C-alpha atoms as a PDB file:
ATOM      1  CA  UNK A   1       8.598 -14.083  31.750  1.00  0.00           C
ATOM      2  CA  UNK A   2       9.602 -15.140  28.223  1.00  0.00           C
ATOM      3  CA  UNK A   3       5.940 -15.248  27.121  1.00  0.00           C
ATOM      4  CA  UNK A   4       5.318 -11.773  28.568  1.00  0.00           C
ATOM      5  CA  UNK A   5       8.305 -10.346  26.678  1.00  0.00           C
ATOM      6  CA  UNK A   6       7.092 -11.938  23.458  1.00  0.00           C
ATOM      7  CA  UNK A   7       3.597 -10.526  23.981  1.00  0.00           C
ATOM      8  CA  UNK A   8       4.931  -7.017  24.724  1.00  0.00           C
ATOM      9  CA  UNK A   9       7.274  -7.234  21.716  1.00  0.00           C
ATOM     10  CA  UNK A  10       4.417  -8.316  19.413  1.00  0.00           C
ATOM     11  CA  UNK A  11       2.143  -5.536  20.685  1.00  0.00           C
ATOM     12  CA  UNK A  12       4.903  -2.947  20.174  1.00  0.00           C
ATOM     13  CA  UNK A  13       5.457  -4.194  16.614  1.00  0.00           C
ATOM     14  CA  UNK A  14       1.726  -3.851  15.844  1.00  0.00           C
ATOM     15  CA  UNK A  15       1.678  -0.293  17.229  1.00  0.00           C
ATOM     16  CA  UNK A  16       4.723   0.680  15.161  1.00  0.00           C
ATOM     17  CA  UNK A  17       3.264  -0.884  12.009  1.00  0.00           C
ATOM     18  CA  UNK A  18       0.127   1.214  12.460  1.00  0.00           C
ATOM     19  CA  UNK A  19       2.218   4.395  12.495  1.00  0.00           C
ATOM     20  CA  UNK A  20       3.600   3.950   8.967  1.00  0.00           C
ATOM     21  CA  UNK A  21       2.839   6.603   6.370  1.00  0.00           C
ATOM     22  CA  UNK A  22       0.903   5.782   3.231  1.00  0.00           C
ATOM     23  CA  UNK A  23       3.295   5.995   0.311  1.00  0.00           C
ATOM     24  CA  UNK A  24       3.135   5.833  -3.425  1.00  0.00           C
ATOM     25  CA  UNK A  25       5.291   3.554  -5.558  1.00  0.00           C
ATOM     26  CA  UNK A  26       8.017   6.201  -5.579  1.00  0.00           C
ATOM     27  CA  UNK A  27       8.302   5.995  -1.742  1.00  0.00           C
ATOM     28  CA  UNK A  28       7.007   9.541  -1.366  1.00  0.00           C
ATOM     29  CA  UNK A  29       4.136  10.298   0.997  1.00  0.00           C
ATOM     30  CA  UNK A  30       0.832   9.998  -0.819  1.00  0.00           C
ATOM     31  CA  UNK A  31      -1.119  13.167  -1.368  1.00  0.00           C
ATOM     32  CA  UNK A  32      -4.845  13.249  -0.855  1.00  0.00           C
ATOM     33  CA  UNK A  33      -5.242  12.862  -4.620  1.00  0.00           C
ATOM     34  CA  UNK A  34      -2.795  10.019  -5.210  1.00  0.00           C
ATOM     35  CA  UNK A  35      -2.574   6.564  -3.689  1.00  0.00           C
ATOM     36  CA  UNK A  36      -0.845   3.446  -4.885  1.00  0.00           C
ATOM     37  CA  UNK A  37      -2.627   0.285  -5.904  1.00  0.00           C
ATOM     38  CA  UNK A  38      -1.553  -1.409  -2.663  1.00  0.00           C
ATOM     39  CA  UNK A  39      -3.224   1.326  -0.589  1.00  0.00           C
ATOM     40  CA  UNK A  40      -6.634   0.989  -2.213  1.00  0.00           C
ATOM     41  CA  UNK A  41      -9.506  -0.809  -0.584  1.00  0.00           C
ATOM     42  CA  UNK A  42     -12.264  -2.256  -2.708  1.00  0.00           C
ATOM     43  CA  UNK A  43     -10.095  -4.537  -4.810  1.00  0.00           C
ATOM     44  CA  UNK A  44     -12.083  -7.415  -6.198  1.00  0.00           C
ATOM     45  CA  UNK A  45      -9.345 -10.032  -5.811  1.00  0.00           C
ATOM     46  CA  UNK A  46     -11.510 -12.750  -7.353  1.00  0.00           C
ATOM     47  CA  UNK A  47     -13.360 -12.452 -10.621  1.00  0.00           C
ATOM     48  CA  UNK A  48     -16.000 -14.380 -12.507  1.00  0.00           C
ATOM     49  CA  UNK A  49     -13.319 -15.558 -14.926  1.00  0.00           C
ATOM     50  CA  UNK A  50     -14.852 -13.871 -17.962  1.00  0.00           C
ATOM     51  CA  UNK A  51     -12.294 -13.113 -20.654  1.00  0.00           C
ATOM     52  CA  UNK A  52     -12.452  -9.859 -22.648  1.00  0.00           C
ATOM     53  CA  UNK A  53     -13.501 -10.213 -26.274  1.00  0.00           C
ATOM     54  CA  UNK A  54     -10.563 -10.636 -28.640  1.00  0.00           C
ATOM     55  CA  UNK A  55      -8.096 -11.923 -26.018  1.00  0.00           C
ATOM     56  CA  UNK A  56      -6.038 -14.760 -27.482  1.00  0.00           C
ATOM     57  CA  UNK A  57      -4.822 -17.773 -25.505  1.00  0.00           C
ATOM     58  CA  UNK A  58      -1.043 -18.127 -25.378  1.00  0.00           C
ATOM     59  CA  UNK A  59       0.120 -20.955 -27.640  1.00  0.00           C
ATOM     60  CA  UNK A  60       3.116 -22.053 -25.576  1.00  0.00           C
ATOM     61  CA  UNK A  61       3.089 -20.250 -22.204  1.00  0.00           C
ATOM     62  CA  UNK A  62       5.946 -20.651 -19.736  1.00  0.00           C
ATOM     63  CA  UNK A  63       3.313 -21.584 -17.139  1.00  0.00           C
ATOM     64  CA  UNK A  64       0.640 -23.788 -18.760  1.00  0.00           C
ATOM     65  CA  UNK A  65      -2.956 -23.870 -17.548  1.00  0.00           C
ATOM     66  CA  UNK A  66      -3.193 -26.197 -14.543  1.00  0.00           C
ATOM     67  CA  UNK A  67       0.447 -25.763 -13.529  1.00  0.00           C
ATOM     68  CA  UNK A  68       1.625 -24.085 -10.336  1.00  0.00           C
ATOM     69  CA  UNK A  69       4.031 -21.179  -9.887  1.00  0.00           C
ATOM     70  CA  UNK A  70       5.267 -18.948  -7.084  1.00  0.00           C
ATOM     71  CA  UNK A  71       3.979 -15.366  -7.153  1.00  0.00           C
ATOM     72  CA  UNK A  72       6.882 -12.898  -7.100  1.00  0.00           C
ATOM     73  CA  UNK A  73       4.909  -9.652  -6.838  1.00  0.00           C
ATOM     74  CA  UNK A  74       2.992  -7.787  -4.191  1.00  0.00           C
ATOM     75  CA  UNK A  75       0.107  -6.119  -6.023  1.00  0.00           C
ATOM     76  CA  UNK A  76      -1.967  -7.154  -3.022  1.00  0.00           C
ATOM     77  CA  UNK A  77      -1.104  -8.034   0.531  1.00  0.00           C
ATOM     78  CA  UNK A  78      -0.525 -11.781   0.763  1.00  0.00           C
ATOM     79  CA  UNK A  79       0.391 -12.334  -2.898  1.00  0.00           C
ATOM     80  CA  UNK A  80       4.176 -12.375  -2.713  1.00  0.00           C
ATOM     81  CA  UNK A  81       5.368 -15.920  -2.074  1.00  0.00           C
ATOM     82  CA  UNK A  82       1.943 -17.533  -2.491  1.00  0.00           C
ATOM     83  CA  UNK A  83       1.490 -20.539  -4.754  1.00  0.00           C
ATOM     84  CA  UNK A  84      -0.552 -19.760  -7.854  1.00  0.00           C
ATOM     85  CA  UNK A  85      -2.502 -22.239  -9.927  1.00  0.00           C
ATOM     86  CA  UNK A  86      -2.627 -21.062 -13.532  1.00  0.00           C
ATOM     87  CA  UNK A  87      -6.224 -20.725 -14.730  1.00  0.00           C
ATOM     88  CA  UNK A  88      -5.533 -18.950 -18.031  1.00  0.00           C
ATOM     89  CA  UNK A  89      -2.572 -17.738 -20.115  1.00  0.00           C
ATOM     90  CA  UNK A  90      -2.987 -15.063 -22.806  1.00  0.00           C
ATOM     91  CA  UNK A  91      -0.707 -13.096 -25.110  1.00  0.00           C
ATOM     92  CA  UNK A  92      -1.434  -9.372 -25.033  1.00  0.00           C
ATOM     93  CA  UNK A  93      -0.143  -5.991 -23.938  1.00  0.00           C
ATOM     94  CA  UNK A  94      -0.396  -5.293 -20.220  1.00  0.00           C
ATOM     95  CA  UNK A  95      -0.542  -1.714 -18.980  1.00  0.00           C
ATOM     96  CA  UNK A  96       0.168  -0.001 -15.728  1.00  0.00           C
ATOM     97  CA  UNK A  97      -2.290   2.899 -15.478  1.00  0.00           C
ATOM     98  CA  UNK A  98      -3.021   5.974 -13.390  1.00  0.00           C
ATOM     99  CA  UNK A  99      -6.718   6.716 -13.010  1.00  0.00           C
ATOM    100  CA  UNK A 100      -9.315   8.494 -10.912  1.00  0.00           C
ATOM    101  CA  UNK A 101     -12.134   6.138  -9.882  1.00  0.00           C
ATOM    102  CA  UNK A 102     -15.622   6.949 -11.168  1.00  0.00           C
ATOM    103  CA  UNK A 103     -16.984   6.715  -7.613  1.00  0.00           C
ATOM    104  CA  UNK A 104     -15.051   9.799  -6.506  1.00  0.00           C
ATOM    105  CA  UNK A 105     -12.239   7.903  -4.802  1.00  0.00           C
ATOM    106  CA  UNK A 106      -8.656   9.106  -4.679  1.00  0.00           C
ATOM    107  CA  UNK A 107      -6.472   8.879  -7.777  1.00  0.00           C
ATOM    108  CA  UNK A 108      -4.796   5.476  -8.143  1.00  0.00           C
ATOM    109  CA  UNK A 109      -1.210   5.478  -9.351  1.00  0.00           C
ATOM    110  CA  UNK A 110       0.556   2.645 -11.176  1.00  0.00           C
ATOM    111  CA  UNK A 111      -2.294   0.101 -11.089  1.00  0.00           C
ATOM    112  CA  UNK A 112      -0.982  -3.189 -12.458  1.00  0.00           C
ATOM    113  CA  UNK A 113      -2.389  -4.612 -14.725  1.00  0.00           C
ATOM    114  CA  UNK A 114      -5.062  -3.672 -17.236  1.00  0.00           C
ATOM    115  CA  UNK A 115      -4.780  -5.391 -20.601  1.00  0.00           C
ATOM    116  CA  UNK A 116      -5.287  -3.932 -24.073  1.00  0.00           C
ATOM    117  CA  UNK A 117      -8.593  -5.773 -24.477  1.00  0.00           C
ATOM    118  CA  UNK A 118      -9.938  -4.061 -21.321  1.00  0.00           C
ATOM    119  CA  UNK A 119      -9.669  -0.585 -22.864  1.00  0.00           C
ATOM    120  CA  UNK A 120     -12.461   1.180 -24.737  1.00  0.00           C
ATOM    121  CA  UNK A 121     -11.677   1.435 -28.477  1.00  0.00           C
ATOM    122  CA  UNK A 122      -7.878   1.590 -28.099  1.00  0.00           C
ATOM    123  CA  UNK A 123      -5.444   2.352 -30.914  1.00  0.00           C
ATOM    124  CA  UNK A 124      -3.058  -0.417 -31.958  1.00  0.00           C
ATOM    125  CA  UNK A 125      -0.952  -1.912 -29.179  1.00  0.00           C
ATOM    126  CA  UNK A 126       1.254  -0.996 -27.515  1.00  0.00           C
ATOM    127  CA  UNK A 127      -0.019   2.406 -26.416  1.00  0.00           C
ATOM    128  CA  UNK A 128       2.596   4.973 -25.437  1.00  0.00           C
ATOM    129  CA  UNK A 129       3.145   6.370 -21.952  1.00  0.00           C
ATOM    130  CA  UNK A 130       0.801   9.294 -21.372  1.00  0.00           C
ATOM    131  CA  UNK A 131      -1.914   8.049 -23.754  1.00  0.00           C
ATOM    132  CA  UNK A 132      -5.358   8.778 -22.325  1.00  0.00           C
ATOM    133  CA  UNK A 133      -7.803   5.861 -22.359  1.00  0.00           C
ATOM    134  CA  UNK A 134     -11.056   4.700 -20.789  1.00  0.00           C
ATOM    135  CA  UNK A 135     -10.868   1.407 -18.926  1.00  0.00           C
ATOM    136  CA  UNK A 136     -13.546  -1.262 -19.178  1.00  0.00           C
ATOM    137  CA  UNK A 137     -11.873  -3.391 -16.484  1.00  0.00           C
ATOM    138  CA  UNK A 138     -13.716  -3.841 -13.203  1.00  0.00           C
ATOM    139  CA  UNK A 139     -10.832  -5.107 -11.058  1.00  0.00           C
ATOM    140  CA  UNK A 140     -11.436  -2.393  -8.461  1.00  0.00           C
ATOM    141  CA  UNK A 141     -14.396  -0.364  -7.283  1.00  0.00           C
ATOM    142  CA  UNK A 142     -14.787   2.669  -9.558  1.00  0.00           C
ATOM    143  CA  UNK A 143     -12.421   1.380 -12.249  1.00  0.00           C
ATOM    144  CA  UNK A 144     -14.933   0.518 -14.988  1.00  0.00           C
ATOM    145  CA  UNK A 145     -15.501   3.577 -17.171  1.00  0.00           C
ATOM    146  CA  UNK A 146     -12.693   5.561 -15.540  1.00  0.00           C
ATOM    147  CA  UNK A 147     -10.454   7.849 -17.562  1.00  0.00           C
ATOM    148  CA  UNK A 148      -6.879   6.638 -17.288  1.00  0.00           C
ATOM    149  CA  UNK A 149      -3.390   7.469 -18.451  1.00  0.00           C
ATOM    150  CA  UNK A 150      -0.935   4.822 -19.580  1.00  0.00           C
ATOM    151  CA  UNK A 151       2.053   4.690 -17.228  1.00  0.00           C
ATOM    152  CA  UNK A 152       3.855   1.783 -18.915  1.00  0.00           C
ATOM    153  CA  UNK A 153       3.232  -1.000 -21.439  1.00  0.00           C
ATOM    154  CA  UNK A 154       4.575  -4.527 -21.592  1.00  0.00           C
ATOM    155  CA  UNK A 155       3.949  -6.991 -24.415  1.00  0.00           C
ATOM    156  CA  UNK A 156       3.844 -10.299 -22.559  1.00  0.00           C
ATOM    157  CA  UNK A 157       1.872 -13.314 -21.509  1.00  0.00           C
ATOM    158  CA  UNK A 158      -0.635 -12.447 -18.784  1.00  0.00           C
ATOM    159  CA  UNK A 159      -1.979 -15.042 -16.404  1.00  0.00           C
ATOM    160  CA  UNK A 160      -5.258 -15.471 -14.593  1.00  0.00           C
ATOM    161  CA  UNK A 161      -4.527 -17.273 -11.328  1.00  0.00           C
ATOM    162  CA  UNK A 162      -6.046 -18.847  -8.243  1.00  0.00           C
ATOM    163  CA  UNK A 163      -4.110 -18.513  -4.979  1.00  0.00           C
ATOM    164  CA  UNK A 164      -4.454 -18.552  -1.215  1.00  0.00           C
ATOM    165  CA  UNK A 165      -2.951 -15.377   0.324  1.00  0.00           C
ATOM    166  CA  UNK A 166       0.080 -15.938   2.541  1.00  0.00           C
ATOM    167  CA  UNK A 167      -1.714 -13.774   5.112  1.00  0.00           C
ATOM    168  CA  UNK A 168      -4.523 -16.353   5.314  1.00  0.00           C
ATOM    169  CA  UNK A 169      -8.120 -16.083   4.286  1.00  0.00           C
ATOM    170  CA  UNK A 170     -10.168 -17.483   1.445  1.00  0.00           C
ATOM    171  CA  UNK A 171      -8.726 -18.626  -1.867  1.00  0.00           C
ATOM    172  CA  UNK A 172      -8.709 -15.915  -4.515  1.00  0.00           C
ATOM    173  CA  UNK A 173     -10.252 -17.254  -7.725  1.00  0.00           C
ATOM    174  CA  UNK A 174      -9.587 -16.055 -11.290  1.00  0.00           C
ATOM    175  CA  UNK A 175      -7.379 -13.113 -10.249  1.00  0.00           C
ATOM    176  CA  UNK A 176      -6.635 -10.809 -13.190  1.00  0.00           C
ATOM    177  CA  UNK A 177      -3.659 -10.293 -13.983  1.00  0.00           C
ATOM    178  CA  UNK A 178      -0.056 -11.181 -13.299  1.00  0.00           C
ATOM    179  CA  UNK A 179       2.579 -10.973 -16.018  1.00  0.00           C
ATOM    180  CA  UNK A 180       5.097 -13.671 -16.793  1.00  0.00           C
ATOM    181  CA  UNK A 181       8.041 -12.070 -14.984  1.00  0.00           C
ATOM    182  CA  UNK A 182       5.966 -11.893 -11.770  1.00  0.00           C
ATOM    183  CA  UNK A 183       5.910 -15.700 -11.544  1.00  0.00           C
ATOM    184  CA  UNK A 184       8.659 -18.246 -10.936  1.00  0.00           C
ATOM    185  CA  UNK A 185       8.857 -22.012 -11.244  1.00  0.00           C
ATOM    186  CA  UNK A 186       7.705 -23.936  -8.210  1.00  0.00           C
END
């Protein structure tokens, strides 16, 4: 009887979870033109590890290359609480951007993070909110070459990380990017 109740309870939870509305970062229902980063499919969690030209390694990062940290953000399902291995640490300006994918997908709001070196011919950093740019980053399908608007800027150390999602699955290699305040000591 106990097992049957657990099974019914689990099934009910799954059904309820499937009924949730898609929302943007502001907790408002997403329109057909706007979706948050978490709602997008096509994210290339892993990368080839190539570093944009001009990106400078951090001299004394809080989380040195080879160290481990706990991820304290949920850019992607399974990130929050996962253990990250630091693959690279770089000093730059990280931007949250709003952009419409070049493949005709829905507008992405508050994508975190694209760095200054992943923008086409940018002015001096940091760029102001509302500045229009073209992104060279290929973190997501349709991102490279997309017109974007700066939502926010943060001068910080950015980290490239490897991690295994808490939801299971394959290890994500060379994930770009998390900022320093999205990591904590292990």
